[in-house]
Amino acid sequence: MRGRLLLVLLLTSPVVELAVIIQAGRRFGVLPVILAIVASTVLGLAVLRRAGRRALSDLTAARDQWASGLRTPPLPGAGDRALVGLAGVLLLLPGLVGSLVGLVLLIPPVRTMVRALARRSGPRAVQRRGAGSPTVRVISVDSVEPTDRGPGTPPPAIEGTVIDSRPEPAPPGPAHPGEPPAGSADAP
């Protein structure tokens, strides 16, 4: 569903942008509209330049944490910086609607609301689609070997007992007593 919505947005946004630019040009004049688009592009470049430096430092810090063996949640503020980067991209692209959305995303309370919305909808999306792997429950851990790991080495294996928490499918059997099981040579 979200993939289709994204596809529709990507396909219709140029048409909407063009229609808005034409209407704004008729209402305010061509020169002010062109100046607004150029100004938003320059602002987008500045925002991306600043956000790019921060994102690069975040990636470097995350890489260093990973290499040292620390498995921590994303760096504080990473979501906020990602939204600022998105705002920069929207400002950079020519168009008035995208620039307006980009400007709104530069307002800190708006970014807070967007992050809260993403936090609330994220778990629901995972529940709808599934996490991509079976749900498991660990009932005991036999041993964990601490190791000094260098960059690029995989994490150590944890030996233990795992039980798949999904119910096993029922074996094929007769639909009614007295009938042969489905799929057998005696089945009609």
C-alpha atoms as a PDB file:
ATOM      1  CA  MET A   1       0.000   0.000   0.000  1.00  0.00           C
ATOM      2  CA  ARG A   2       2.715   2.503   0.950  1.00  0.00           C
ATOM      3  CA  GLY A   3       4.746   1.528  -2.100  1.00  0.00           C
ATOM      4  CA  ARG A   4       1.812   2.330  -4.368  1.00  0.00           C
ATOM      5  CA  LEU A   5       1.225   5.632  -2.588  1.00  0.00           C
ATOM      6  CA  LEU A   6       4.877   6.552  -3.035  1.00  0.00           C
ATOM      7  CA  LEU A   7       4.720   5.621  -6.724  1.00  0.00           C
ATOM      8  CA  VAL A   8       1.599   7.757  -7.230  1.00  0.00           C
ATOM      9  CA  LEU A   9       3.269  10.686  -5.435  1.00  0.00           C
ATOM     10  CA  LEU A  10       6.405  10.366  -7.553  1.00  0.00           C
ATOM     11  CA  LEU A  11       4.407  10.228 -10.773  1.00  0.00           C
ATOM     12  CA  THR A  12       1.988  13.045  -9.966  1.00  0.00           C
ATOM     13  CA  SER A  13       4.310  15.489  -8.193  1.00  0.00           C
ATOM     14  CA  PRO A  14       5.887  16.909 -11.396  1.00  0.00           C
ATOM     15  CA  VAL A  15       2.424  17.592 -12.816  1.00  0.00           C
ATOM     16  CA  VAL A  16       1.286  19.245  -9.592  1.00  0.00           C
ATOM     17  CA  GLU A  17       4.503  21.296  -9.366  1.00  0.00           C
ATOM     18  CA  LEU A  18       4.119  22.484 -12.953  1.00  0.00           C
ATOM     19  CA  ALA A  19       0.470  23.445 -12.431  1.00  0.00           C
ATOM     20  CA  VAL A  20       1.330  25.384  -9.253  1.00  0.00           C
ATOM     21  CA  ILE A  21       4.228  27.186 -10.983  1.00  0.00           C
ATOM     22  CA  ILE A  22       1.964  28.192 -13.876  1.00  0.00           C
ATOM     23  CA  GLN A  23      -0.756  29.467 -11.536  1.00  0.00           C
ATOM     24  CA  ALA A  24       1.771  31.321  -9.361  1.00  0.00           C
ATOM     25  CA  GLY A  25       3.327  32.863 -12.488  1.00  0.00           C
ATOM     26  CA  ARG A  26      -0.081  34.125 -13.601  1.00  0.00           C
ATOM     27  CA  ARG A  27      -0.891  35.523 -10.172  1.00  0.00           C
ATOM     28  CA  PHE A  28       2.475  36.977  -9.056  1.00  0.00           C
ATOM     29  CA  GLY A  29       4.391  37.265 -12.325  1.00  0.00           C
ATOM     30  CA  VAL A  30       7.082  35.101 -13.894  1.00  0.00           C
ATOM     31  CA  LEU A  31      10.109  36.875 -12.414  1.00  0.00           C
ATOM     32  CA  PRO A  32       9.067  36.532  -8.730  1.00  0.00           C
ATOM     33  CA  VAL A  33       8.282  32.839  -9.245  1.00  0.00           C
ATOM     34  CA  ILE A  34      11.657  32.194 -10.900  1.00  0.00           C
ATOM     35  CA  LEU A  35      13.421  34.105  -8.095  1.00  0.00           C
ATOM     36  CA  ALA A  36      11.547  32.052  -5.471  1.00  0.00           C
ATOM     37  CA  ILE A  37      12.592  28.792  -7.155  1.00  0.00           C
ATOM     38  CA  VAL A  38      16.230  29.923  -7.399  1.00  0.00           C
ATOM     39  CA  ALA A  39      16.198  31.094  -3.760  1.00  0.00           C
ATOM     40  CA  SER A  40      14.786  27.769  -2.573  1.00  0.00           C
ATOM     41  CA  THR A  41      17.466  25.920  -4.555  1.00  0.00           C
ATOM     42  CA  VAL A  42      20.221  28.001  -2.943  1.00  0.00           C
ATOM     43  CA  LEU A  43      18.672  27.430   0.502  1.00  0.00           C
ATOM     44  CA  GLY A  44      18.430  23.696  -0.260  1.00  0.00           C
ATOM     45  CA  LEU A  45      22.126  23.587  -1.152  1.00  0.00           C
ATOM     46  CA  ALA A  46      23.024  25.338   2.109  1.00  0.00           C
ATOM     47  CA  VAL A  47      20.827  23.005   4.172  1.00  0.00           C
ATOM     48  CA  LEU A  48      22.235  19.917   2.444  1.00  0.00           C
ATOM     49  CA  ARG A  49      25.784  21.121   2.884  1.00  0.00           C
ATOM     50  CA  ARG A  50      25.276  21.592   6.618  1.00  0.00           C
ATOM     51  CA  ALA A  51      23.191  18.407   7.033  1.00  0.00           C
ATOM     52  CA  GLY A  52      25.687  16.476   4.915  1.00  0.00           C
ATOM     53  CA  ARG A  53      28.554  17.306   7.264  1.00  0.00           C
ATOM     54  CA  ARG A  54      26.509  16.217  10.266  1.00  0.00           C
ATOM     55  CA  ALA A  55      25.351  13.051   8.526  1.00  0.00           C
ATOM     56  CA  LEU A  56      28.935  12.202   7.608  1.00  0.00           C
ATOM     57  CA  SER A  57      30.043  12.644  11.223  1.00  0.00           C
ATOM     58  CA  ASP A  58      27.088  10.471  12.354  1.00  0.00           C
ATOM     59  CA  LEU A  59      28.042   7.737   9.890  1.00  0.00           C
ATOM     60  CA  THR A  60      31.665   7.887  11.001  1.00  0.00           C
ATOM     61  CA  ALA A  61      30.641   7.637  14.674  1.00  0.00           C
ATOM     62  CA  ALA A  62      28.274   4.729  13.922  1.00  0.00           C
ATOM     63  CA  ARG A  63      31.009   2.925  11.978  1.00  0.00           C
ATOM     64  CA  ASP A  64      33.442   3.405  14.865  1.00  0.00           C
ATOM     65  CA  GLN A  65      30.864   2.087  17.350  1.00  0.00           C
ATOM     66  CA  TRP A  66      30.205  -0.937  15.132  1.00  0.00           C
ATOM     67  CA  ALA A  67      33.922  -1.624  14.724  1.00  0.00           C
ATOM     68  CA  SER A  68      34.467  -1.464  18.480  1.00  0.00           C
ATOM     69  CA  GLY A  69      31.728  -4.058  19.035  1.00  0.00           C
ATOM     70  CA  LEU A  70      29.160  -1.683  20.547  1.00  0.00           C
ATOM     71  CA  ARG A  71      25.669  -2.325  19.302  1.00  0.00           C
ATOM     72  CA  THR A  72      23.770   0.784  20.296  1.00  0.00           C
ATOM     73  CA  PRO A  73      20.536   2.307  19.061  1.00  0.00           C
ATOM     74  CA  PRO A  74      20.813   5.023  16.422  1.00  0.00           C
ATOM     75  CA  LEU A  75      22.599   8.147  17.523  1.00  0.00           C
ATOM     76  CA  PRO A  76      20.383  10.668  19.305  1.00  0.00           C
ATOM     77  CA  GLY A  77      19.063  13.199  16.832  1.00  0.00           C
ATOM     78  CA  ALA A  78      19.745  11.039  13.784  1.00  0.00           C
ATOM     79  CA  GLY A  79      16.060  11.083  12.806  1.00  0.00           C
ATOM     80  CA  ASP A  80      15.976  14.846  13.150  1.00  0.00           C
ATOM     81  CA  ARG A  81      19.051  15.225  10.970  1.00  0.00           C
ATOM     82  CA  ALA A  82      17.563  12.858   8.390  1.00  0.00           C
ATOM     83  CA  LEU A  83      14.439  15.033   8.208  1.00  0.00           C
ATOM     84  CA  VAL A  84      16.598  18.145   7.796  1.00  0.00           C
ATOM     85  CA  GLY A  85      18.380  16.349   4.939  1.00  0.00           C
ATOM     86  CA  LEU A  86      15.013  15.523   3.362  1.00  0.00           C
ATOM     87  CA  ALA A  87      14.024  19.171   3.721  1.00  0.00           C
ATOM     88  CA  GLY A  88      17.235  20.153   1.928  1.00  0.00           C
ATOM     89  CA  VAL A  89      16.499  17.772  -0.944  1.00  0.00           C
ATOM     90  CA  LEU A  90      12.939  19.089  -1.262  1.00  0.00           C
ATOM     91  CA  LEU A  91      14.233  22.673  -1.279  1.00  0.00           C
ATOM     92  CA  LEU A  92      16.884  21.806  -3.838  1.00  0.00           C
ATOM     93  CA  LEU A  93      14.438  20.319  -6.342  1.00  0.00           C
ATOM     94  CA  PRO A  94      12.728  22.911  -8.520  1.00  0.00           C
ATOM     95  CA  GLY A  95       9.134  23.497  -7.533  1.00  0.00           C
ATOM     96  CA  LEU A  96       7.031  25.477  -5.134  1.00  0.00           C
ATOM     97  CA  VAL A  97       5.112  22.686  -3.388  1.00  0.00           C
ATOM     98  CA  GLY A  98       8.237  20.675  -2.560  1.00  0.00           C
ATOM     99  CA  SER A  99       9.987  23.847  -1.402  1.00  0.00           C
ATOM    100  CA  LEU A 100       7.066  24.670   0.874  1.00  0.00           C
ATOM    101  CA  VAL A 101       7.146  21.159   2.376  1.00  0.00           C
ATOM    102  CA  GLY A 102      10.929  21.484   2.774  1.00  0.00           C
ATOM    103  CA  LEU A 103      10.565  24.819   4.560  1.00  0.00           C
ATOM    104  CA  VAL A 104       7.946  23.359   6.896  1.00  0.00           C
ATOM    105  CA  LEU A 105      10.267  20.434   7.692  1.00  0.00           C
ATOM    106  CA  LEU A 106      12.916  22.919   8.818  1.00  0.00           C
ATOM    107  CA  ILE A 107      10.652  23.927  11.739  1.00  0.00           C
ATOM    108  CA  PRO A 108      11.727  21.867  14.806  1.00  0.00           C
ATOM    109  CA  PRO A 109       8.196  21.215  16.232  1.00  0.00           C
ATOM    110  CA  VAL A 110       7.088  19.893  12.833  1.00  0.00           C
ATOM    111  CA  ARG A 111      10.048  17.484  12.749  1.00  0.00           C
ATOM    112  CA  THR A 112       9.123  16.333  16.262  1.00  0.00           C
ATOM    113  CA  MET A 113       5.569  15.578  15.096  1.00  0.00           C
ATOM    114  CA  VAL A 114       6.822  13.730  11.999  1.00  0.00           C
ATOM    115  CA  ARG A 115       9.203  11.610  14.099  1.00  0.00           C
ATOM    116  CA  ALA A 116       6.388  10.790  16.563  1.00  0.00           C
ATOM    117  CA  LEU A 117       4.129   9.783  13.680  1.00  0.00           C
ATOM    118  CA  ALA A 118       6.872   7.575  12.230  1.00  0.00           C
ATOM    119  CA  ARG A 119       7.443   5.941  15.636  1.00  0.00           C
ATOM    120  CA  ARG A 120       3.741   5.159  15.976  1.00  0.00           C
ATOM    121  CA  SER A 121       3.262   3.841  12.438  1.00  0.00           C
ATOM    122  CA  GLY A 122       6.530   1.883  12.217  1.00  0.00           C
ATOM    123  CA  PRO A 123       5.565  -1.023  14.515  1.00  0.00           C
ATOM    124  CA  ARG A 124       2.157  -1.326  12.845  1.00  0.00           C
ATOM    125  CA  ALA A 125       3.807  -1.609   9.429  1.00  0.00           C
ATOM    126  CA  VAL A 126       6.073  -4.377  10.717  1.00  0.00           C
ATOM    127  CA  GLN A 127       3.056  -6.211  12.180  1.00  0.00           C
ATOM    128  CA  ARG A 128       1.151  -5.960   8.886  1.00  0.00           C
ATOM    129  CA  ARG A 129       4.042  -7.126   6.724  1.00  0.00           C
ATOM    130  CA  GLY A 130       5.793  -9.351   9.207  1.00  0.00           C
ATOM    131  CA  ALA A 131       9.360  -8.929  10.273  1.00  0.00           C
ATOM    132  CA  GLY A 132      10.665 -11.167   7.492  1.00  0.00           C
ATOM    133  CA  SER A 133      11.814 -13.964   9.759  1.00  0.00           C
ATOM    134  CA  PRO A 134      10.041 -16.428  12.012  1.00  0.00           C
ATOM    135  CA  THR A 135       9.288 -15.410  15.566  1.00  0.00           C
ATOM    136  CA  VAL A 136      11.494 -17.344  17.936  1.00  0.00           C
ATOM    137  CA  ARG A 137      11.733 -17.687  21.675  1.00  0.00           C
ATOM    138  CA  VAL A 138      14.980 -18.576  23.407  1.00  0.00           C
ATOM    139  CA  ILE A 139      14.364 -20.858  26.363  1.00  0.00           C
ATOM    140  CA  SER A 140      17.955 -21.332  27.488  1.00  0.00           C
ATOM    141  CA  VAL A 141      21.435 -20.098  26.697  1.00  0.00           C
ATOM    142  CA  ASP A 142      24.230 -22.628  27.104  1.00  0.00           C
ATOM    143  CA  SER A 143      27.266 -20.402  26.614  1.00  0.00           C
ATOM    144  CA  VAL A 144      28.453 -17.094  25.273  1.00  0.00           C
ATOM    145  CA  GLU A 145      32.126 -16.678  24.474  1.00  0.00           C
ATOM    146  CA  PRO A 146      33.377 -13.094  24.933  1.00  0.00           C
ATOM    147  CA  THR A 147      35.908 -12.219  22.268  1.00  0.00           C
ATOM    148  CA  ASP A 148      38.014  -9.279  21.239  1.00  0.00           C
ATOM    149  CA  ARG A 149      36.690  -8.602  17.805  1.00  0.00           C
ATOM    150  CA  GLY A 150      38.345  -6.468  15.209  1.00  0.00           C
ATOM    151  CA  PRO A 151      36.660  -4.550  12.415  1.00  0.00           C
ATOM    152  CA  GLY A 152      34.836  -6.750   9.935  1.00  0.00           C
ATOM    153  CA  THR A 153      34.565  -9.848  12.134  1.00  0.00           C
ATOM    154  CA  PRO A 154      31.068 -11.218  12.670  1.00  0.00           C
ATOM    155  CA  PRO A 155      29.507 -11.234  16.129  1.00  0.00           C
ATOM    156  CA  PRO A 156      30.003 -14.410  18.169  1.00  0.00           C
ATOM    157  CA  ALA A 157      27.458 -17.199  17.990  1.00  0.00           C
ATOM    158  CA  ILE A 158      25.311 -17.785  21.057  1.00  0.00           C
ATOM    159  CA  GLU A 159      24.689 -21.440  21.703  1.00  0.00           C
ATOM    160  CA  GLY A 160      21.283 -22.271  23.104  1.00  0.00           C
ATOM    161  CA  THR A 161      17.900 -23.788  22.472  1.00  0.00           C
ATOM    162  CA  VAL A 162      15.424 -22.005  20.240  1.00  0.00           C
ATOM    163  CA  ILE A 163      11.777 -22.904  19.858  1.00  0.00           C
ATOM    164  CA  ASP A 164       9.729 -21.582  16.977  1.00  0.00           C
ATOM    165  CA  SER A 165       6.697 -19.962  18.568  1.00  0.00           C
ATOM    166  CA  ARG A 166       4.467 -20.365  15.519  1.00  0.00           C
ATOM    167  CA  PRO A 167       2.020 -23.255  15.721  1.00  0.00           C
ATOM    168  CA  GLU A 168       2.883 -26.202  13.515  1.00  0.00           C
ATOM    169  CA  PRO A 169       0.451 -26.894  10.683  1.00  0.00           C
ATOM    170  CA  ALA A 170      -1.924 -29.781  11.180  1.00  0.00           C
ATOM    171  CA  PRO A 171      -0.911 -32.961   9.318  1.00  0.00           C
ATOM    172  CA  PRO A 172      -3.080 -33.795   6.326  1.00  0.00           C
ATOM    173  CA  GLY A 173      -5.814 -36.142   7.305  1.00  0.00           C
ATOM    174  CA  PRO A 174      -9.285 -37.131   6.277  1.00  0.00           C
ATOM    175  CA  ALA A 175     -11.800 -34.312   6.096  1.00  0.00           C
ATOM    176  CA  HIS A 176     -14.475 -36.701   7.436  1.00  0.00           C
ATOM    177  CA  PRO A 177     -14.082 -39.917   9.445  1.00  0.00           C
ATOM    178  CA  GLY A 178     -13.927 -42.965   7.218  1.00  0.00           C
ATOM    179  CA  GLU A 179     -12.504 -41.115   4.197  1.00  0.00           C
ATOM    180  CA  PRO A 180      -8.914 -41.659   3.034  1.00  0.00           C
ATOM    181  CA  PRO A 181      -6.484 -38.758   3.673  1.00  0.00           C
ATOM    182  CA  ALA A 182      -6.294 -36.069   0.988  1.00  0.00           C
ATOM    183  CA  GLY A 183      -3.557 -36.778  -1.553  1.00  0.00           C
ATOM    184  CA  SER A 184      -3.516 -40.551  -1.016  1.00  0.00           C
ATOM    185  CA  ALA A 185      -4.019 -43.071  -3.837  1.00  0.00           C
ATOM    186  CA  ASP A 186      -7.415 -44.052  -2.360  1.00  0.00           C
ATOM    187  CA  ALA A 187      -8.744 -40.481  -2.443  1.00  0.00           C
ATOM    188  CA  PRO A 188     -11.395 -39.773  -5.082  1.00  0.00           C
END
